[in-house]
């Protein structure tokens, strides 16, 4: 991250269960594999000395569970975790709007949310053409902007990207 830039960490929620079709989408919990994957990603992020100034999560149970597991494994305080309904199933324009409203005192913002919005956002911000974003995938992007309001004006660069499968 440059002295004048911002860093954005985008994380797709971990694998959730579709077993009970009577449960509302926003109330689906993580599977056992999802919990293990979130812990694996959290441990990896801790090894990378990952320290976002703010961690924001969709209000969906699967995203909140992912956020809490990652924060715990990465040694983050849960006081940095904010639940944001705007992130629930947000599309790229809503994600950009949410990020642009972030106070500039925050240099490194982390978001746990959903596809397809996250995939589209990553492709837009990095001029990429990724075709998929697996569950619990992480993309850390350095953005050449002094203010979050400038997000998307100039392409950023993926510093690192990984998935739980790559870490097994």
C-alpha atoms as a PDB file:
ATOM      1  CA  UNK A   1       0.000   0.000   0.000  1.00  0.00           C
ATOM      2  CA  UNK A   2       1.383   3.381  -0.929  1.00  0.00           C
ATOM      3  CA  UNK A   3       1.426   6.283   1.494  1.00  0.00           C
ATOM      4  CA  UNK A   4      -1.309   8.019  -0.502  1.00  0.00           C
ATOM      5  CA  UNK A   5      -3.393   4.990  -1.399  1.00  0.00           C
ATOM      6  CA  UNK A   6      -6.078   2.882   0.189  1.00  0.00           C
ATOM      7  CA  UNK A   7      -6.203  -0.869   0.730  1.00  0.00           C
ATOM      8  CA  UNK A   8      -9.379  -2.892   0.250  1.00  0.00           C
ATOM      9  CA  UNK A   9      -9.824  -6.498   1.342  1.00  0.00           C
ATOM     10  CA  UNK A  10     -12.792  -8.277  -0.221  1.00  0.00           C
ATOM     11  CA  UNK A  11     -13.889 -11.634   1.184  1.00  0.00           C
ATOM     12  CA  UNK A  12     -16.742 -13.782  -0.020  1.00  0.00           C
ATOM     13  CA  UNK A  13     -18.582 -15.506   2.826  1.00  0.00           C
ATOM     14  CA  UNK A  14     -17.648 -19.141   3.496  1.00  0.00           C
ATOM     15  CA  UNK A  15     -19.707 -22.129   2.353  1.00  0.00           C
ATOM     16  CA  UNK A  16     -23.224 -22.144   3.738  1.00  0.00           C
ATOM     17  CA  UNK A  17     -25.887 -24.792   4.018  1.00  0.00           C
ATOM     18  CA  UNK A  18     -28.806 -25.242   1.639  1.00  0.00           C
ATOM     19  CA  UNK A  19     -30.104 -28.282   3.546  1.00  0.00           C
ATOM     20  CA  UNK A  20     -33.160 -26.627   5.064  1.00  0.00           C
ATOM     21  CA  UNK A  21     -35.144 -24.866   2.328  1.00  0.00           C
ATOM     22  CA  UNK A  22     -37.562 -23.388   4.882  1.00  0.00           C
ATOM     23  CA  UNK A  23     -34.832 -21.120   6.318  1.00  0.00           C
ATOM     24  CA  UNK A  24     -34.724 -17.591   4.922  1.00  0.00           C
ATOM     25  CA  UNK A  25     -31.669 -16.899   2.766  1.00  0.00           C
ATOM     26  CA  UNK A  26     -30.336 -14.324   5.222  1.00  0.00           C
ATOM     27  CA  UNK A  27     -30.454 -16.901   8.041  1.00  0.00           C
ATOM     28  CA  UNK A  28     -28.421 -19.670   6.405  1.00  0.00           C
ATOM     29  CA  UNK A  29     -25.498 -20.752   8.596  1.00  0.00           C
ATOM     30  CA  UNK A  30     -22.070 -21.993   7.574  1.00  0.00           C
ATOM     31  CA  UNK A  31     -21.440 -25.659   6.999  1.00  0.00           C
ATOM     32  CA  UNK A  32     -18.685 -27.406   8.941  1.00  0.00           C
ATOM     33  CA  UNK A  33     -16.453 -26.989   5.880  1.00  0.00           C
ATOM     34  CA  UNK A  34     -17.353 -23.293   5.774  1.00  0.00           C
ATOM     35  CA  UNK A  35     -16.297 -22.871   9.391  1.00  0.00           C
ATOM     36  CA  UNK A  36     -12.991 -24.654   8.736  1.00  0.00           C
ATOM     37  CA  UNK A  37     -12.368 -22.600   5.598  1.00  0.00           C
ATOM     38  CA  UNK A  38     -13.038 -19.323   7.430  1.00  0.00           C
ATOM     39  CA  UNK A  39     -10.611 -20.369  10.183  1.00  0.00           C
ATOM     40  CA  UNK A  40      -7.991 -21.323   7.583  1.00  0.00           C
ATOM     41  CA  UNK A  41      -8.352 -17.939   5.865  1.00  0.00           C
ATOM     42  CA  UNK A  42      -8.240 -16.107   9.218  1.00  0.00           C
ATOM     43  CA  UNK A  43      -5.036 -17.897  10.211  1.00  0.00           C
ATOM     44  CA  UNK A  44      -3.488 -17.139   6.822  1.00  0.00           C
ATOM     45  CA  UNK A  45      -4.465 -13.463   7.093  1.00  0.00           C
ATOM     46  CA  UNK A  46      -2.924 -13.322  10.563  1.00  0.00           C
ATOM     47  CA  UNK A  47       0.320 -14.742   9.128  1.00  0.00           C
ATOM     48  CA  UNK A  48       0.200 -11.986   6.488  1.00  0.00           C
ATOM     49  CA  UNK A  49      -0.002  -9.376   9.305  1.00  0.00           C
ATOM     50  CA  UNK A  50      -3.424  -8.354   8.006  1.00  0.00           C
ATOM     51  CA  UNK A  51      -4.695  -5.408  10.010  1.00  0.00           C
ATOM     52  CA  UNK A  52      -7.680  -3.607   8.507  1.00  0.00           C
ATOM     53  CA  UNK A  53      -8.825  -0.413  10.189  1.00  0.00           C
ATOM     54  CA  UNK A  54     -12.428  -1.541   9.773  1.00  0.00           C
ATOM     55  CA  UNK A  55     -14.162  -4.840   9.013  1.00  0.00           C
ATOM     56  CA  UNK A  56     -17.668  -4.569   7.563  1.00  0.00           C
ATOM     57  CA  UNK A  57     -19.974  -7.522   7.039  1.00  0.00           C
ATOM     58  CA  UNK A  58     -23.276  -8.196   5.387  1.00  0.00           C
ATOM     59  CA  UNK A  59     -25.995  -8.887   7.945  1.00  0.00           C
ATOM     60  CA  UNK A  60     -26.577 -12.374   6.505  1.00  0.00           C
ATOM     61  CA  UNK A  61     -25.774 -15.022   9.120  1.00  0.00           C
ATOM     62  CA  UNK A  62     -23.271 -16.768   6.822  1.00  0.00           C
ATOM     63  CA  UNK A  63     -21.334 -13.511   6.300  1.00  0.00           C
ATOM     64  CA  UNK A  64     -21.400 -12.628  10.004  1.00  0.00           C
ATOM     65  CA  UNK A  65     -20.187 -16.102  10.968  1.00  0.00           C
ATOM     66  CA  UNK A  66     -17.396 -15.831   8.391  1.00  0.00           C
ATOM     67  CA  UNK A  67     -16.417 -12.376   9.697  1.00  0.00           C
ATOM     68  CA  UNK A  68     -16.351 -13.454  13.329  1.00  0.00           C
ATOM     69  CA  UNK A  69     -14.299 -16.593  12.656  1.00  0.00           C
ATOM     70  CA  UNK A  70     -11.808 -14.694  10.496  1.00  0.00           C
ATOM     71  CA  UNK A  71     -11.532 -11.860  13.034  1.00  0.00           C
ATOM     72  CA  UNK A  72     -10.948 -14.328  15.857  1.00  0.00           C
ATOM     73  CA  UNK A  73      -8.314 -16.336  13.971  1.00  0.00           C
ATOM     74  CA  UNK A  74      -6.598 -13.180  12.698  1.00  0.00           C
ATOM     75  CA  UNK A  75      -6.464 -11.688  16.203  1.00  0.00           C
ATOM     76  CA  UNK A  76      -8.739  -8.748  15.413  1.00  0.00           C
ATOM     77  CA  UNK A  77     -10.977  -7.237  18.038  1.00  0.00           C
ATOM     78  CA  UNK A  78     -14.647  -7.678  17.281  1.00  0.00           C
ATOM     79  CA  UNK A  79     -15.132  -3.970  17.972  1.00  0.00           C
ATOM     80  CA  UNK A  80     -13.761  -3.397  14.464  1.00  0.00           C
ATOM     81  CA  UNK A  81     -16.637  -5.482  13.028  1.00  0.00           C
ATOM     82  CA  UNK A  82     -19.614  -3.549  11.724  1.00  0.00           C
ATOM     83  CA  UNK A  83     -22.802  -5.208  10.463  1.00  0.00           C
ATOM     84  CA  UNK A  84     -24.187  -3.458   7.402  1.00  0.00           C
ATOM     85  CA  UNK A  85     -27.535  -4.388   5.855  1.00  0.00           C
ATOM     86  CA  UNK A  86     -26.514  -2.515   2.679  1.00  0.00           C
ATOM     87  CA  UNK A  87     -23.948  -5.266   2.021  1.00  0.00           C
ATOM     88  CA  UNK A  88     -26.540  -8.076   1.961  1.00  0.00           C
ATOM     89  CA  UNK A  89     -26.595  -9.306  -1.658  1.00  0.00           C
ATOM     90  CA  UNK A  90     -25.230  -5.925  -2.795  1.00  0.00           C
ATOM     91  CA  UNK A  91     -24.437  -5.578  -6.479  1.00  0.00           C
ATOM     92  CA  UNK A  92     -21.337  -3.763  -7.719  1.00  0.00           C
ATOM     93  CA  UNK A  93     -22.921  -0.254  -7.819  1.00  0.00           C
ATOM     94  CA  UNK A  94     -24.143  -0.580  -4.222  1.00  0.00           C
ATOM     95  CA  UNK A  95     -20.723  -1.869  -3.112  1.00  0.00           C
ATOM     96  CA  UNK A  96     -18.979   1.066  -4.799  1.00  0.00           C
ATOM     97  CA  UNK A  97     -21.413   3.478  -3.144  1.00  0.00           C
ATOM     98  CA  UNK A  98     -20.852   1.860   0.258  1.00  0.00           C
ATOM     99  CA  UNK A  99     -17.064   2.017  -0.100  1.00  0.00           C
ATOM    100  CA  UNK A 100     -17.132   5.616  -1.376  1.00  0.00           C
ATOM    101  CA  UNK A 101     -18.963   6.631   1.819  1.00  0.00           C
ATOM    102  CA  UNK A 102     -16.154   5.250   4.015  1.00  0.00           C
ATOM    103  CA  UNK A 103     -14.405   7.923   6.114  1.00  0.00           C
ATOM    104  CA  UNK A 104     -10.944   8.732   4.778  1.00  0.00           C
ATOM    105  CA  UNK A 105      -9.455   8.171   8.226  1.00  0.00           C
ATOM    106  CA  UNK A 106      -9.802   4.479   7.348  1.00  0.00           C
ATOM    107  CA  UNK A 107      -6.815   3.435   5.228  1.00  0.00           C
ATOM    108  CA  UNK A 108      -7.593  -0.300   5.039  1.00  0.00           C
ATOM    109  CA  UNK A 109     -11.205  -1.447   4.723  1.00  0.00           C
ATOM    110  CA  UNK A 110     -12.238  -5.112   4.775  1.00  0.00           C
ATOM    111  CA  UNK A 111     -15.644  -6.283   3.537  1.00  0.00           C
ATOM    112  CA  UNK A 112     -17.287  -9.699   3.844  1.00  0.00           C
ATOM    113  CA  UNK A 113     -20.170  -9.991   1.403  1.00  0.00           C
ATOM    114  CA  UNK A 114     -21.673 -11.961  -1.483  1.00  0.00           C
ATOM    115  CA  UNK A 115     -21.441 -12.888  -5.130  1.00  0.00           C
ATOM    116  CA  UNK A 116     -22.007 -11.818  -7.830  1.00  0.00           C
ATOM    117  CA  UNK A 117     -21.398  -8.301  -6.516  1.00  0.00           C
ATOM    118  CA  UNK A 118     -17.927  -9.020  -5.126  1.00  0.00           C
ATOM    119  CA  UNK A 119     -16.722 -10.724  -8.307  1.00  0.00           C
ATOM    120  CA  UNK A 120     -17.964  -7.843 -10.452  1.00  0.00           C
ATOM    121  CA  UNK A 121     -16.341  -5.326  -8.097  1.00  0.00           C
ATOM    122  CA  UNK A 122     -12.969  -7.102  -8.163  1.00  0.00           C
ATOM    123  CA  UNK A 123     -13.052  -7.249 -11.960  1.00  0.00           C
ATOM    124  CA  UNK A 124     -13.913  -3.550 -12.204  1.00  0.00           C
ATOM    125  CA  UNK A 125     -11.372  -2.337  -9.644  1.00  0.00           C
ATOM    126  CA  UNK A 126      -8.479  -4.369 -11.065  1.00  0.00           C
ATOM    127  CA  UNK A 127      -9.365  -4.492 -14.771  1.00  0.00           C
ATOM    128  CA  UNK A 128      -9.565  -8.274 -14.433  1.00  0.00           C
ATOM    129  CA  UNK A 129     -11.819 -10.829 -16.043  1.00  0.00           C
ATOM    130  CA  UNK A 130     -12.161 -13.431 -13.308  1.00  0.00           C
ATOM    131  CA  UNK A 131     -14.935 -15.902 -14.044  1.00  0.00           C
ATOM    132  CA  UNK A 132     -15.597 -17.071 -10.501  1.00  0.00           C
ATOM    133  CA  UNK A 133     -15.024 -16.238  -6.859  1.00  0.00           C
ATOM    134  CA  UNK A 134     -15.114 -19.342  -4.648  1.00  0.00           C
ATOM    135  CA  UNK A 135     -16.583 -19.230  -1.166  1.00  0.00           C
ATOM    136  CA  UNK A 136     -14.244 -17.642   1.396  1.00  0.00           C
ATOM    137  CA  UNK A 137     -11.942 -16.311  -1.341  1.00  0.00           C
ATOM    138  CA  UNK A 138      -9.890 -13.240  -0.383  1.00  0.00           C
ATOM    139  CA  UNK A 139      -8.682 -10.428  -2.637  1.00  0.00           C
ATOM    140  CA  UNK A 140      -6.510  -7.671  -1.203  1.00  0.00           C
ATOM    141  CA  UNK A 141      -6.387  -4.682  -3.527  1.00  0.00           C
ATOM    142  CA  UNK A 142      -4.243  -1.557  -3.330  1.00  0.00           C
ATOM    143  CA  UNK A 143      -6.052   1.452  -4.736  1.00  0.00           C
ATOM    144  CA  UNK A 144      -4.239   4.564  -5.994  1.00  0.00           C
ATOM    145  CA  UNK A 145      -6.660   6.996  -4.375  1.00  0.00           C
ATOM    146  CA  UNK A 146      -6.293   9.411  -1.480  1.00  0.00           C
ATOM    147  CA  UNK A 147     -10.025   9.336  -0.771  1.00  0.00           C
ATOM    148  CA  UNK A 148     -12.525   6.476  -0.848  1.00  0.00           C
ATOM    149  CA  UNK A 149     -14.745   8.788  -2.917  1.00  0.00           C
ATOM    150  CA  UNK A 150     -12.268   8.309  -5.789  1.00  0.00           C
ATOM    151  CA  UNK A 151     -12.705   4.528  -5.854  1.00  0.00           C
ATOM    152  CA  UNK A 152     -12.896   3.167  -9.366  1.00  0.00           C
ATOM    153  CA  UNK A 153     -11.418   6.235 -11.053  1.00  0.00           C
ATOM    154  CA  UNK A 154      -8.039   4.537 -11.537  1.00  0.00           C
ATOM    155  CA  UNK A 155      -7.520   0.764 -11.546  1.00  0.00           C
ATOM    156  CA  UNK A 156      -6.105  -0.815  -8.438  1.00  0.00           C
ATOM    157  CA  UNK A 157      -3.758  -3.760  -8.147  1.00  0.00           C
ATOM    158  CA  UNK A 158      -4.438  -7.112  -6.530  1.00  0.00           C
ATOM    159  CA  UNK A 159      -1.680  -7.499  -3.946  1.00  0.00           C
ATOM    160  CA  UNK A 160      -2.644 -11.049  -3.070  1.00  0.00           C
ATOM    161  CA  UNK A 161      -5.595 -13.334  -3.650  1.00  0.00           C
ATOM    162  CA  UNK A 162      -6.232 -16.775  -2.263  1.00  0.00           C
ATOM    163  CA  UNK A 163      -8.860 -19.366  -1.482  1.00  0.00           C
ATOM    164  CA  UNK A 164      -9.148 -21.977   1.263  1.00  0.00           C
ATOM    165  CA  UNK A 165      -8.460 -24.691  -1.321  1.00  0.00           C
ATOM    166  CA  UNK A 166      -5.096 -23.111  -2.198  1.00  0.00           C
ATOM    167  CA  UNK A 167      -4.153 -23.136   1.492  1.00  0.00           C
ATOM    168  CA  UNK A 168      -4.901 -26.825   2.121  1.00  0.00           C
END
